Every structure is written in structure tokens, then in C-alpha cells.
Amino acid sequence: ARNFTITGKCGIPPTAISVVFNFVVWNTTSYGDFKIYPAGGTVAPVSTLNWGPGILMLANAAVLPLGTSGQITVVNEGSGTVDLIFDVNGYFQ
């Protein structure tokens, strides 16, 4: 699991409580999925993005509440390597 601070970055104010994301995987080497959820919260019961080996690029949008200190937690449940890119499309205060 890895935490990413979202608030205070790229124009997202510290008062944001939820963010609209577009998550992208790139250059996958195995089957896998990401579970993404508010940091400090309960582990997500479902995945946010699933992929197979050899996928050059695959995307999925999600609206997520922010957790501890304006962070999200990302868990890679795949056995191989994968690059994760995420864009912020907006936020809620």
C-alpha cells in the first residue's frame, strides 16, 4: 500500500473532501488490479481498475473521498510491475 497526498497539490485546496480522478495503468506485465480508497479508511471491497498483461494503456474514472491528511491509498494486487498515472478532473469541498 502506498499513500498519495492529494490536497495542496496542483490547485487542490486543503479543504477538498472528495476528488474526481482518472486512473491510468501503463505497460502492464501481469494480471492485476488496484484498490484505491481514502487513506486511514477501510480497505476498498472492490477494485478501482483491473488489467491484463501487455496492456499498453487502460483508464477508469472514479470519485473518491479523501482520507487522513487529504490522502488516498493505492494497493497493487498484481504480481508484476505496472505504471500508474492519475489525473484530477475536479474536487468537492
Protein backbone atom coordinates (compact mmCIF):
# COMPACT_ATOMS: atom_id res chain seq x y z
CA ALA A 1 0.00 0.00 0.00
CA ARG A 2 1.18 3.49 -0.80
CA ASN A 3 -0.36 6.80 0.27
CA PHE A 4 -0.51 9.82 -2.03
CA THR A 5 -1.22 13.32 -0.72
CA ILE A 6 -3.76 14.99 -2.99
CA THR A 7 -4.69 18.22 -1.20
CA GLY A 8 -2.29 21.13 -1.54
CA LYS A 9 -1.06 19.82 -4.90
CA CYS A 10 -1.84 21.16 -8.39
CA GLY A 11 -4.53 23.57 -7.22
CA ILE A 12 -6.45 21.11 -4.98
CA PRO A 13 -7.20 23.12 -1.81
CA PRO A 14 -6.66 21.69 1.68
CA THR A 15 -10.43 21.94 2.21
CA ALA A 16 -11.27 19.42 -0.56
CA ILE A 17 -13.11 16.35 0.75
CA SER A 18 -13.56 14.32 -2.47
CA VAL A 19 -11.77 14.25 -5.80
CA VAL A 20 -12.78 13.18 -9.32
CA PHE A 21 -9.91 11.10 -10.72
CA ASN A 22 -8.98 9.42 -13.97
CA PHE A 23 -6.64 6.49 -13.18
CA VAL A 24 -4.49 5.03 -15.96
CA VAL A 25 -2.29 1.91 -15.98
CA TRP A 26 0.56 1.75 -18.46
CA ASN A 27 2.92 -1.00 -19.56
CA THR A 28 1.47 -3.91 -17.57
CA THR A 29 3.41 -7.18 -17.17
CA SER A 30 0.83 -9.43 -15.48
CA TYR A 31 -2.82 -9.61 -14.44
CA GLY A 32 -3.68 -7.32 -11.57
CA ASP A 33 -5.84 -4.63 -10.07
CA PHE A 34 -5.61 -1.51 -7.96
CA LYS A 35 -7.71 -0.98 -4.88
CA ILE A 36 -7.87 2.75 -4.19
CA TYR A 37 -9.56 4.20 -1.11
CA PRO A 38 -9.32 7.06 1.45
CA ALA A 39 -6.10 6.86 3.47
CA GLY A 40 -6.73 5.68 7.01
CA GLY A 41 -10.10 4.24 5.98
CA THR A 42 -11.43 0.77 5.36
CA VAL A 43 -9.81 -1.17 2.53
CA ALA A 44 -11.96 -0.97 -0.58
CA PRO A 45 -14.04 -4.16 -1.07
CA VAL A 46 -13.77 -3.86 -4.88
CA SER A 47 -11.04 -2.83 -7.29
CA THR A 48 -10.91 0.55 -8.99
CA LEU A 49 -9.03 -0.65 -12.09
CA ASN A 50 -8.28 -4.16 -13.46
CA TRP A 51 -5.80 -5.13 -16.19
CA GLY A 52 -4.17 -8.00 -18.02
CA PRO A 53 -0.58 -8.48 -19.24
CA GLY A 54 0.63 -6.46 -22.19
CA ILE A 55 -1.94 -3.66 -21.87
CA LEU A 56 -0.29 -0.53 -23.18
CA MET A 57 -2.82 1.83 -21.59
CA LEU A 58 -6.14 1.39 -19.76
CA ALA A 59 -8.12 4.04 -17.85
CA ASN A 60 -11.02 4.28 -15.41
CA ALA A 61 -12.64 7.29 -13.75
CA ALA A 62 -13.63 7.36 -10.07
CA VAL A 63 -14.88 9.79 -7.45
CA LEU A 64 -13.16 9.15 -4.13
CA PRO A 65 -13.41 10.78 -0.72
CA LEU A 66 -10.08 11.83 0.72
CA GLY A 67 -8.79 10.32 3.92
CA THR A 68 -6.18 11.23 6.50
CA SER A 69 -4.38 14.48 5.65
CA GLY A 70 -6.05 14.68 2.22
CA GLN A 71 -4.58 11.38 1.06
CA ILE A 72 -5.63 8.29 -0.88
CA THR A 73 -4.19 4.78 -0.51
CA VAL A 74 -3.31 2.71 -3.58
CA VAL A 75 -2.78 -1.06 -3.32
CA ASN A 76 -1.38 -3.00 -6.29
CA GLU A 77 -2.80 -6.53 -6.13
CA GLY A 78 -0.89 -7.68 -9.23
CA SER A 79 2.26 -9.78 -9.20
CA GLY A 80 4.10 -7.80 -11.89
CA THR A 81 5.10 -4.22 -12.44
CA VAL A 82 2.80 -1.51 -13.73
CA ASP A 83 2.93 2.25 -14.04
CA LEU A 84 0.08 4.27 -12.51
CA ILE A 85 -0.89 7.71 -13.77
CA PHE A 86 -3.71 9.68 -12.25
CA ASP A 87 -5.29 12.93 -13.30
CA VAL A 88 -7.60 15.08 -11.24
CA ASN A 89 -10.69 16.29 -13.10
CA GLY A 90 -12.21 18.21 -10.19
CA TYR A 91 -12.91 18.21 -6.47
CA PHE A 92 -15.67 18.76 -3.91
CA GLN A 93 -15.40 20.92 -0.80
